[in-house]
Amino acid sequence: WRAETGARDPAVLGRVGRFLAQSERFEGVAAAQPARVSRDGTIALARLELDRRALEMPEETSTRLIELAEAASGQGLEIELGGPPIRNAQEGGSPEIVGLIAAAIILLIAFGSVVAVGLPIAIALFGLGLSVLLIGVVAALIDVPGFATAISGVVGIGVGIDYALLILTRFRSALASGNDPRAAVVEAVTTAGRSVLVAGTTVVISFLGLFLLGVSFLYGVAVSVSLAVLIVMAAAVTLLPALLAFAGHRVDRLHV
């Protein structure tokens, strides 16, 4: 908080104290730590501890904290909030959703078919959902920073769509050459599928290389991203061929 009369002014401290006391009643918020004051005495910083990981903070708590800070500000006092939960509430969206929307638009322009667009997106969503669940298991074994889920999500979406595109493009080419859907699936998996396995394994090894940096909080990021890549890689050579077999020649339907 910043106050014209000084961060230690009794009236200011009273208002800030009431704000902190109300904040501690919200779900996920623990006690406030002692404040630190700037050299000129006009700005002070107090840390509100959480009783859970920042990733698990209810969005309602962040929204109510923002509203409470706005209500407590004024008359020479300005209260500002920071941290991942507050940032997520203010941004109002996730990088995964933005990535999926952008990918869908690009794929629609490239393929011109809603069915062909839907298959890579389906693989990415499958990988995203499963990796989020498994990262929770990983977090019980090693320290996983809150931003690891977002990083693994956007990386998983990127490589998942990329791998699905390799197989889908080869499948459509085989169909155009006169092959039946089963033969087209076999050709796509035995050719583009090998490229997917090599590419995915390379990405996993590269991210596990973060262990060589010796920075402990990056270990959880390396494992989380590697797990997401492994999941979408496996889905691209198992789930996607099954979907392509069901779709067959209908993969080019619903042209736009």
C-alpha atoms as a PDB file:
ATOM      1  CA  TRP A   1       0.000   0.000   0.000  1.00  0.00           C
ATOM      2  CA  ARG A   2       0.975   3.581  -0.569  1.00  0.00           C
ATOM      3  CA  ALA A   3      -0.179   6.515   1.498  1.00  0.00           C
ATOM      4  CA  GLU A   4       0.408  10.233   1.107  1.00  0.00           C
ATOM      5  CA  THR A   5       0.671  10.681   4.872  1.00  0.00           C
ATOM      6  CA  GLY A   6       3.071   7.742   5.237  1.00  0.00           C
ATOM      7  CA  ALA A   7       2.665   3.997   5.316  1.00  0.00           C
ATOM      8  CA  ARG A   8       3.107   3.993   9.114  1.00  0.00           C
ATOM      9  CA  ASP A   9       0.446   6.637   9.760  1.00  0.00           C
ATOM     10  CA  PRO A  10      -1.890   5.314  12.518  1.00  0.00           C
ATOM     11  CA  ALA A  11      -5.016   6.000  10.472  1.00  0.00           C
ATOM     12  CA  VAL A  12      -3.501   4.242   7.461  1.00  0.00           C
ATOM     13  CA  LEU A  13      -2.378   1.278   9.551  1.00  0.00           C
ATOM     14  CA  GLY A  14      -5.872   0.991  10.969  1.00  0.00           C
ATOM     15  CA  ARG A  15      -7.445   0.801   7.505  1.00  0.00           C
ATOM     16  CA  VAL A  16      -4.818  -1.619   6.234  1.00  0.00           C
ATOM     17  CA  GLY A  17      -5.188  -3.743   9.370  1.00  0.00           C
ATOM     18  CA  ARG A  18      -8.923  -4.064   8.786  1.00  0.00           C
ATOM     19  CA  PHE A  19      -8.245  -5.054   5.169  1.00  0.00           C
ATOM     20  CA  LEU A  20      -5.757  -7.730   6.227  1.00  0.00           C
ATOM     21  CA  ALA A  21      -8.082  -9.052   8.938  1.00  0.00           C
ATOM     22  CA  GLN A  22     -10.918  -9.421   6.425  1.00  0.00           C
ATOM     23  CA  SER A  23      -8.583 -11.028   3.885  1.00  0.00           C
ATOM     24  CA  GLU A  24      -7.566 -13.755   6.311  1.00  0.00           C
ATOM     25  CA  ARG A  25     -11.182 -14.939   6.479  1.00  0.00           C
ATOM     26  CA  PHE A  26     -11.236 -15.883   2.802  1.00  0.00           C
ATOM     27  CA  GLU A  27     -10.713 -19.484   1.743  1.00  0.00           C
ATOM     28  CA  GLY A  28      -7.067 -20.297   1.046  1.00  0.00           C
ATOM     29  CA  VAL A  29      -5.627 -17.216   2.806  1.00  0.00           C
ATOM     30  CA  ALA A  30      -3.534 -17.638   5.972  1.00  0.00           C
ATOM     31  CA  ALA A  31      -1.969 -15.024   8.231  1.00  0.00           C
ATOM     32  CA  ALA A  32      -0.297 -11.850   6.975  1.00  0.00           C
ATOM     33  CA  GLN A  33       3.448 -11.477   7.530  1.00  0.00           C
ATOM     34  CA  PRO A  34       5.027  -8.368   9.100  1.00  0.00           C
ATOM     35  CA  ALA A  35       5.180  -5.416   6.722  1.00  0.00           C
ATOM     36  CA  ARG A  36       8.310  -3.961   5.148  1.00  0.00           C
ATOM     37  CA  VAL A  37       8.409  -0.206   4.568  1.00  0.00           C
ATOM     38  CA  SER A  38      10.297   1.721   1.893  1.00  0.00           C
ATOM     39  CA  ARG A  39      13.085   4.133   2.839  1.00  0.00           C
ATOM     40  CA  ASP A  40      10.947   7.212   2.284  1.00  0.00           C
ATOM     41  CA  GLY A  41       8.148   5.677   4.385  1.00  0.00           C
ATOM     42  CA  THR A  42       5.381   6.076   1.789  1.00  0.00           C
ATOM     43  CA  ILE A  43       5.123   2.478   0.541  1.00  0.00           C
ATOM     44  CA  ALA A  44       4.751  -0.731   2.564  1.00  0.00           C
ATOM     45  CA  LEU A  45       4.533  -4.394   1.563  1.00  0.00           C
ATOM     46  CA  ALA A  46       2.880  -7.200   3.519  1.00  0.00           C
ATOM     47  CA  ARG A  47       2.821 -10.801   2.343  1.00  0.00           C
ATOM     48  CA  LEU A  48      -0.415 -12.756   2.676  1.00  0.00           C
ATOM     49  CA  GLU A  49       0.514 -16.396   3.128  1.00  0.00           C
ATOM     50  CA  LEU A  50      -1.608 -19.126   1.497  1.00  0.00           C
ATOM     51  CA  ASP A  51      -2.619 -22.425   3.072  1.00  0.00           C
ATOM     52  CA  ARG A  52      -2.359 -24.224  -0.298  1.00  0.00           C
ATOM     53  CA  ARG A  53      -0.548 -24.014  -3.611  1.00  0.00           C
ATOM     54  CA  ALA A  54      -1.250 -20.895  -5.652  1.00  0.00           C
ATOM     55  CA  LEU A  55      -2.575 -23.108  -8.450  1.00  0.00           C
ATOM     56  CA  GLU A  56      -5.274 -24.436  -6.096  1.00  0.00           C
ATOM     57  CA  MET A  57      -6.514 -21.038  -4.931  1.00  0.00           C
ATOM     58  CA  PRO A  58     -10.254 -20.495  -5.580  1.00  0.00           C
ATOM     59  CA  GLU A  59     -10.855 -17.810  -8.172  1.00  0.00           C
ATOM     60  CA  GLU A  60     -13.615 -16.427  -5.954  1.00  0.00           C
ATOM     61  CA  THR A  61     -11.043 -15.644  -3.250  1.00  0.00           C
ATOM     62  CA  SER A  62      -8.875 -13.689  -5.696  1.00  0.00           C
ATOM     63  CA  THR A  63     -11.887 -11.764  -7.008  1.00  0.00           C
ATOM     64  CA  ARG A  64     -13.068 -10.884  -3.493  1.00  0.00           C
ATOM     65  CA  LEU A  65      -9.566  -9.757  -2.508  1.00  0.00           C
ATOM     66  CA  ILE A  66      -9.464  -7.419  -5.505  1.00  0.00           C
ATOM     67  CA  GLU A  67     -12.881  -6.001  -4.631  1.00  0.00           C
ATOM     68  CA  LEU A  68     -11.869  -5.586  -0.983  1.00  0.00           C
ATOM     69  CA  ALA A  69      -8.660  -3.759  -1.950  1.00  0.00           C
ATOM     70  CA  GLU A  70     -10.587  -1.384  -4.210  1.00  0.00           C
ATOM     71  CA  ALA A  71     -13.118  -0.677  -1.451  1.00  0.00           C
ATOM     72  CA  ALA A  72     -10.383  -0.027   1.140  1.00  0.00           C
ATOM     73  CA  SER A  73      -8.458   2.358  -1.151  1.00  0.00           C
ATOM     74  CA  GLY A  74      -9.150   6.054  -1.415  1.00  0.00           C
ATOM     75  CA  GLN A  75      -8.644   9.224   0.622  1.00  0.00           C
ATOM     76  CA  GLY A  76      -4.876   9.150   0.160  1.00  0.00           C
ATOM     77  CA  LEU A  77      -4.467   5.381   0.472  1.00  0.00           C
ATOM     78  CA  GLU A  78      -3.843   3.020  -2.445  1.00  0.00           C
ATOM     79  CA  ILE A  79      -3.816  -0.757  -1.904  1.00  0.00           C
ATOM     80  CA  GLU A  80      -2.513  -3.009  -4.687  1.00  0.00           C
ATOM     81  CA  LEU A  81      -2.345  -6.797  -4.895  1.00  0.00           C
ATOM     82  CA  GLY A  82       0.033  -9.145  -6.680  1.00  0.00           C
ATOM     83  CA  GLY A  83       0.887 -12.802  -7.091  1.00  0.00           C
ATOM     84  CA  PRO A  84      -0.233 -15.594  -9.455  1.00  0.00           C
ATOM     85  CA  PRO A  85      -3.809 -15.978  -8.054  1.00  0.00           C
ATOM     86  CA  ILE A  86      -4.468 -12.255  -8.444  1.00  0.00           C
ATOM     87  CA  ARG A  87      -2.884 -12.167 -11.902  1.00  0.00           C
ATOM     88  CA  ASN A  88      -4.983 -15.114 -13.067  1.00  0.00           C
ATOM     89  CA  ALA A  89      -8.185 -13.465 -11.838  1.00  0.00           C
ATOM     90  CA  GLN A  90      -7.321 -10.170 -13.543  1.00  0.00           C
ATOM     91  CA  GLU A  91      -6.364 -11.783 -16.838  1.00  0.00           C
ATOM     92  CA  GLY A  92      -9.605 -13.743 -16.948  1.00  0.00           C
ATOM     93  CA  GLY A  93      -8.288 -16.542 -19.150  1.00  0.00           C
ATOM     94  CA  SER A  94      -5.719 -19.290 -19.509  1.00  0.00           C
ATOM     95  CA  PRO A  95      -2.878 -19.624 -22.020  1.00  0.00           C
ATOM     96  CA  GLU A  96      -4.162 -23.086 -22.932  1.00  0.00           C
ATOM     97  CA  ILE A  97      -7.498 -21.731 -24.149  1.00  0.00           C
ATOM     98  CA  VAL A  98      -5.805 -18.968 -26.128  1.00  0.00           C
ATOM     99  CA  GLY A  99      -3.471 -21.539 -27.700  1.00  0.00           C
ATOM    100  CA  LEU A 100      -6.343 -23.827 -28.678  1.00  0.00           C
ATOM    101  CA  ILE A 101      -8.343 -21.008 -30.270  1.00  0.00           C
ATOM    102  CA  ALA A 102      -5.329 -19.796 -32.246  1.00  0.00           C
ATOM    103  CA  ALA A 103      -4.521 -23.347 -33.370  1.00  0.00           C
ATOM    104  CA  ALA A 104      -8.113 -23.981 -34.457  1.00  0.00           C
ATOM    105  CA  ILE A 105      -8.144 -20.850 -36.627  1.00  0.00           C
ATOM    106  CA  ILE A 106      -4.809 -21.707 -38.260  1.00  0.00           C
ATOM    107  CA  LEU A 107      -5.843 -25.322 -38.893  1.00  0.00           C
ATOM    108  CA  LEU A 108      -9.167 -24.249 -40.368  1.00  0.00           C
ATOM    109  CA  ILE A 109      -7.356 -22.008 -42.845  1.00  0.00           C
ATOM    110  CA  ALA A 110      -4.884 -24.776 -43.697  1.00  0.00           C
ATOM    111  CA  PHE A 111      -7.314 -27.700 -44.031  1.00  0.00           C
ATOM    112  CA  GLY A 112     -10.649 -26.031 -44.770  1.00  0.00           C
ATOM    113  CA  SER A 113     -12.446 -28.952 -43.088  1.00  0.00           C
ATOM    114  CA  VAL A 114     -14.019 -28.884 -39.651  1.00  0.00           C
ATOM    115  CA  VAL A 115     -13.514 -32.651 -39.182  1.00  0.00           C
ATOM    116  CA  ALA A 116      -9.827 -32.448 -40.089  1.00  0.00           C
ATOM    117  CA  VAL A 117      -9.403 -29.551 -37.670  1.00  0.00           C
ATOM    118  CA  GLY A 118     -11.226 -31.332 -34.874  1.00  0.00           C
ATOM    119  CA  LEU A 119      -8.965 -34.391 -34.770  1.00  0.00           C
ATOM    120  CA  PRO A 120      -5.677 -32.594 -33.845  1.00  0.00           C
ATOM    121  CA  ILE A 121      -7.598 -30.432 -31.357  1.00  0.00           C
ATOM    122  CA  ALA A 122      -9.102 -33.581 -29.811  1.00  0.00           C
ATOM    123  CA  ILE A 123      -5.644 -35.098 -29.355  1.00  0.00           C
ATOM    124  CA  ALA A 124      -4.385 -31.883 -27.751  1.00  0.00           C
ATOM    125  CA  LEU A 125      -7.377 -31.731 -25.374  1.00  0.00           C
ATOM    126  CA  PHE A 126      -6.947 -35.377 -24.419  1.00  0.00           C
ATOM    127  CA  GLY A 127      -3.274 -34.823 -23.654  1.00  0.00           C
ATOM    128  CA  LEU A 128      -4.006 -31.605 -21.752  1.00  0.00           C
ATOM    129  CA  GLY A 129      -6.659 -33.186 -19.538  1.00  0.00           C
ATOM    130  CA  LEU A 130      -4.675 -36.311 -18.724  1.00  0.00           C
ATOM    131  CA  SER A 131      -1.420 -34.449 -18.109  1.00  0.00           C
ATOM    132  CA  VAL A 132      -3.098 -32.053 -15.653  1.00  0.00           C
ATOM    133  CA  LEU A 133      -4.318 -35.034 -13.616  1.00  0.00           C
ATOM    134  CA  LEU A 134      -0.934 -36.753 -13.634  1.00  0.00           C
ATOM    135  CA  ILE A 135       0.938 -33.557 -12.761  1.00  0.00           C
ATOM    136  CA  GLY A 136      -1.076 -33.547  -9.546  1.00  0.00           C
ATOM    137  CA  VAL A 137       0.405 -36.971  -8.787  1.00  0.00           C
ATOM    138  CA  VAL A 138       3.900 -35.716  -9.639  1.00  0.00           C
ATOM    139  CA  ALA A 139       3.400 -32.793  -7.253  1.00  0.00           C
ATOM    140  CA  ALA A 140       2.963 -35.287  -4.414  1.00  0.00           C
ATOM    141  CA  LEU A 141       6.434 -36.669  -5.112  1.00  0.00           C
ATOM    142  CA  ILE A 142       8.512 -33.602  -6.015  1.00  0.00           C
ATOM    143  CA  ASP A 143       8.107 -29.832  -5.800  1.00  0.00           C
ATOM    144  CA  VAL A 144       6.153 -28.561  -8.811  1.00  0.00           C
ATOM    145  CA  PRO A 145       5.854 -24.747  -9.176  1.00  0.00           C
ATOM    146  CA  GLY A 146       2.444 -23.302  -9.926  1.00  0.00           C
ATOM    147  CA  PHE A 147       3.395 -22.199 -13.435  1.00  0.00           C
ATOM    148  CA  ALA A 148       4.486 -25.715 -14.464  1.00  0.00           C
ATOM    149  CA  THR A 149       0.920 -26.681 -15.391  1.00  0.00           C
ATOM    150  CA  ALA A 150       0.557 -23.708 -17.737  1.00  0.00           C
ATOM    151  CA  ILE A 151       3.914 -24.408 -19.397  1.00  0.00           C
ATOM    152  CA  SER A 152       3.201 -28.115 -19.840  1.00  0.00           C
ATOM    153  CA  GLY A 153      -0.254 -27.227 -21.161  1.00  0.00           C
ATOM    154  CA  VAL A 154       0.893 -24.903 -23.929  1.00  0.00           C
ATOM    155  CA  VAL A 155       3.825 -27.173 -24.853  1.00  0.00           C
ATOM    156  CA  GLY A 156       1.517 -30.189 -24.887  1.00  0.00           C
ATOM    157  CA  ILE A 157      -0.972 -28.389 -27.122  1.00  0.00           C
ATOM    158  CA  GLY A 158       1.781 -27.325 -29.502  1.00  0.00           C
ATOM    159  CA  VAL A 159       3.493 -30.676 -29.914  1.00  0.00           C
ATOM    160  CA  GLY A 160       0.201 -32.580 -29.767  1.00  0.00           C
ATOM    161  CA  ILE A 161      -1.242 -30.666 -32.697  1.00  0.00           C
ATOM    162  CA  ASP A 162       2.081 -30.875 -34.531  1.00  0.00           C
ATOM    163  CA  TYR A 163       2.300 -34.663 -34.166  1.00  0.00           C
ATOM    164  CA  ALA A 164      -1.352 -35.120 -35.110  1.00  0.00           C
ATOM    165  CA  LEU A 165      -0.806 -32.995 -38.215  1.00  0.00           C
ATOM    166  CA  LEU A 166       2.041 -35.241 -39.376  1.00  0.00           C
ATOM    167  CA  ILE A 167      -0.111 -38.360 -39.198  1.00  0.00           C
ATOM    168  CA  LEU A 168      -3.291 -36.687 -40.450  1.00  0.00           C
ATOM    169  CA  THR A 169      -1.556 -35.207 -43.498  1.00  0.00           C
ATOM    170  CA  ARG A 170      -0.040 -38.588 -44.424  1.00  0.00           C
ATOM    171  CA  PHE A 171      -3.447 -40.248 -43.920  1.00  0.00           C
ATOM    172  CA  ARG A 172      -5.182 -37.790 -46.241  1.00  0.00           C
ATOM    173  CA  SER A 173      -2.451 -38.225 -48.841  1.00  0.00           C
ATOM    174  CA  ALA A 174      -2.876 -42.010 -48.721  1.00  0.00           C
ATOM    175  CA  LEU A 175      -6.632 -41.662 -49.175  1.00  0.00           C
ATOM    176  CA  ALA A 176      -6.099 -39.337 -52.136  1.00  0.00           C
ATOM    177  CA  SER A 177      -3.831 -41.994 -53.687  1.00  0.00           C
ATOM    178  CA  GLY A 178      -6.710 -44.468 -53.721  1.00  0.00           C
ATOM    179  CA  ASN A 179      -6.022 -46.462 -50.546  1.00  0.00           C
ATOM    180  CA  ASP A 180      -8.881 -47.639 -48.364  1.00  0.00           C
ATOM    181  CA  PRO A 181      -9.085 -46.117 -44.836  1.00  0.00           C
ATOM    182  CA  ARG A 182      -7.423 -49.117 -43.125  1.00  0.00           C
ATOM    183  CA  ALA A 183      -4.461 -49.126 -45.506  1.00  0.00           C
ATOM    184  CA  ALA A 184      -4.206 -45.335 -45.174  1.00  0.00           C
ATOM    185  CA  VAL A 185      -4.046 -45.608 -41.378  1.00  0.00           C
ATOM    186  CA  VAL A 186      -1.320 -48.271 -41.588  1.00  0.00           C
ATOM    187  CA  GLU A 187       0.731 -46.131 -43.961  1.00  0.00           C
ATOM    188  CA  ALA A 188       0.322 -43.014 -41.833  1.00  0.00           C
ATOM    189  CA  VAL A 189       1.386 -44.726 -38.602  1.00  0.00           C
ATOM    190  CA  THR A 190       4.319 -46.654 -40.078  1.00  0.00           C
ATOM    191  CA  THR A 191       5.736 -43.538 -41.750  1.00  0.00           C
ATOM    192  CA  ALA A 192       4.685 -40.337 -39.975  1.00  0.00           C
ATOM    193  CA  GLY A 193       4.234 -42.282 -36.728  1.00  0.00           C
ATOM    194  CA  ARG A 194       7.955 -43.028 -36.609  1.00  0.00           C
ATOM    195  CA  SER A 195       8.701 -39.327 -37.048  1.00  0.00           C
ATOM    196  CA  VAL A 196       6.379 -38.574 -34.142  1.00  0.00           C
ATOM    197  CA  LEU A 197       8.185 -41.045 -31.866  1.00  0.00           C
ATOM    198  CA  VAL A 198      11.597 -39.633 -32.749  1.00  0.00           C
ATOM    199  CA  ALA A 199      10.469 -36.014 -32.379  1.00  0.00           C
ATOM    200  CA  GLY A 200       8.646 -36.638 -29.090  1.00  0.00           C
ATOM    201  CA  THR A 201      11.560 -38.529 -27.571  1.00  0.00           C
ATOM    202  CA  THR A 202      13.903 -35.691 -28.545  1.00  0.00           C
ATOM    203  CA  VAL A 203      11.676 -33.111 -26.865  1.00  0.00           C
ATOM    204  CA  VAL A 204      11.445 -35.195 -23.679  1.00  0.00           C
ATOM    205  CA  ILE A 205      15.224 -35.609 -23.484  1.00  0.00           C
ATOM    206  CA  SER A 206      15.694 -31.887 -24.091  1.00  0.00           C
ATOM    207  CA  PHE A 207      13.385 -30.869 -21.249  1.00  0.00           C
ATOM    208  CA  LEU A 208      14.876 -33.414 -18.869  1.00  0.00           C
ATOM    209  CA  GLY A 209      18.148 -31.630 -19.576  1.00  0.00           C
ATOM    210  CA  LEU A 210      16.880 -28.951 -17.166  1.00  0.00           C
ATOM    211  CA  PHE A 211      18.067 -31.265 -14.389  1.00  0.00           C
ATOM    212  CA  LEU A 212      21.626 -30.488 -15.457  1.00  0.00           C
ATOM    213  CA  LEU A 213      21.165 -26.824 -14.514  1.00  0.00           C
ATOM    214  CA  GLY A 214      21.016 -27.711 -10.841  1.00  0.00           C
ATOM    215  CA  VAL A 215      18.057 -25.382 -10.188  1.00  0.00           C
ATOM    216  CA  SER A 216      15.687 -27.375  -7.988  1.00  0.00           C
ATOM    217  CA  PHE A 217      12.434 -25.550  -8.800  1.00  0.00           C
ATOM    218  CA  LEU A 218      12.920 -26.397 -12.503  1.00  0.00           C
ATOM    219  CA  TYR A 219      12.900 -30.136 -11.818  1.00  0.00           C
ATOM    220  CA  GLY A 220       9.130 -30.129 -11.463  1.00  0.00           C
ATOM    221  CA  VAL A 221       8.799 -28.148 -14.706  1.00  0.00           C
ATOM    222  CA  ALA A 222      11.005 -30.631 -16.570  1.00  0.00           C
ATOM    223  CA  VAL A 223       9.041 -33.648 -15.368  1.00  0.00           C
ATOM    224  CA  SER A 224       5.644 -31.991 -15.970  1.00  0.00           C
ATOM    225  CA  VAL A 225       6.424 -30.924 -19.531  1.00  0.00           C
ATOM    226  CA  SER A 226       8.046 -34.265 -20.357  1.00  0.00           C
ATOM    227  CA  LEU A 227       4.969 -36.051 -19.055  1.00  0.00           C
ATOM    228  CA  ALA A 228       2.670 -33.908 -21.208  1.00  0.00           C
ATOM    229  CA  VAL A 229       4.776 -34.584 -24.313  1.00  0.00           C
ATOM    230  CA  LEU A 230       4.822 -38.324 -23.645  1.00  0.00           C
ATOM    231  CA  ILE A 231       1.037 -38.381 -23.312  1.00  0.00           C
ATOM    232  CA  VAL A 232       0.310 -36.521 -26.558  1.00  0.00           C
ATOM    233  CA  MET A 233       2.980 -38.544 -28.369  1.00  0.00           C
ATOM    234  CA  ALA A 234       1.312 -41.785 -27.264  1.00  0.00           C
ATOM    235  CA  ALA A 235      -2.125 -40.430 -28.175  1.00  0.00           C
ATOM    236  CA  ALA A 236      -0.905 -39.431 -31.652  1.00  0.00           C
ATOM    237  CA  VAL A 237       0.152 -42.998 -32.509  1.00  0.00           C
ATOM    238  CA  THR A 238      -2.743 -44.805 -30.755  1.00  0.00           C
ATOM    239  CA  LEU A 239      -5.850 -42.679 -30.248  1.00  0.00           C
ATOM    240  CA  LEU A 240      -5.525 -40.647 -33.454  1.00  0.00           C
ATOM    241  CA  PRO A 241      -5.225 -43.700 -35.778  1.00  0.00           C
ATOM    242  CA  ALA A 242      -8.351 -45.116 -34.130  1.00  0.00           C
ATOM    243  CA  LEU A 243     -10.233 -41.864 -34.776  1.00  0.00           C
ATOM    244  CA  LEU A 244      -8.966 -41.774 -38.362  1.00  0.00           C
ATOM    245  CA  ALA A 245     -10.191 -45.332 -38.909  1.00  0.00           C
ATOM    246  CA  PHE A 246     -13.647 -44.304 -37.731  1.00  0.00           C
ATOM    247  CA  ALA A 247     -13.638 -41.122 -39.823  1.00  0.00           C
ATOM    248  CA  GLY A 248     -12.337 -42.687 -43.039  1.00  0.00           C
ATOM    249  CA  HIS A 249     -13.236 -40.610 -46.090  1.00  0.00           C
ATOM    250  CA  ARG A 250     -15.383 -38.360 -43.882  1.00  0.00           C
ATOM    251  CA  VAL A 251     -12.199 -36.682 -42.650  1.00  0.00           C
ATOM    252  CA  ASP A 252     -12.687 -34.046 -45.391  1.00  0.00           C
ATOM    253  CA  ARG A 253     -16.332 -33.355 -44.626  1.00  0.00           C
ATOM    254  CA  LEU A 254     -17.811 -30.054 -43.486  1.00  0.00           C
ATOM    255  CA  HIS A 255     -15.728 -27.864 -45.774  1.00  0.00           C
ATOM    256  CA  VAL A 256     -15.475 -24.188 -44.894  1.00  0.00           C
END
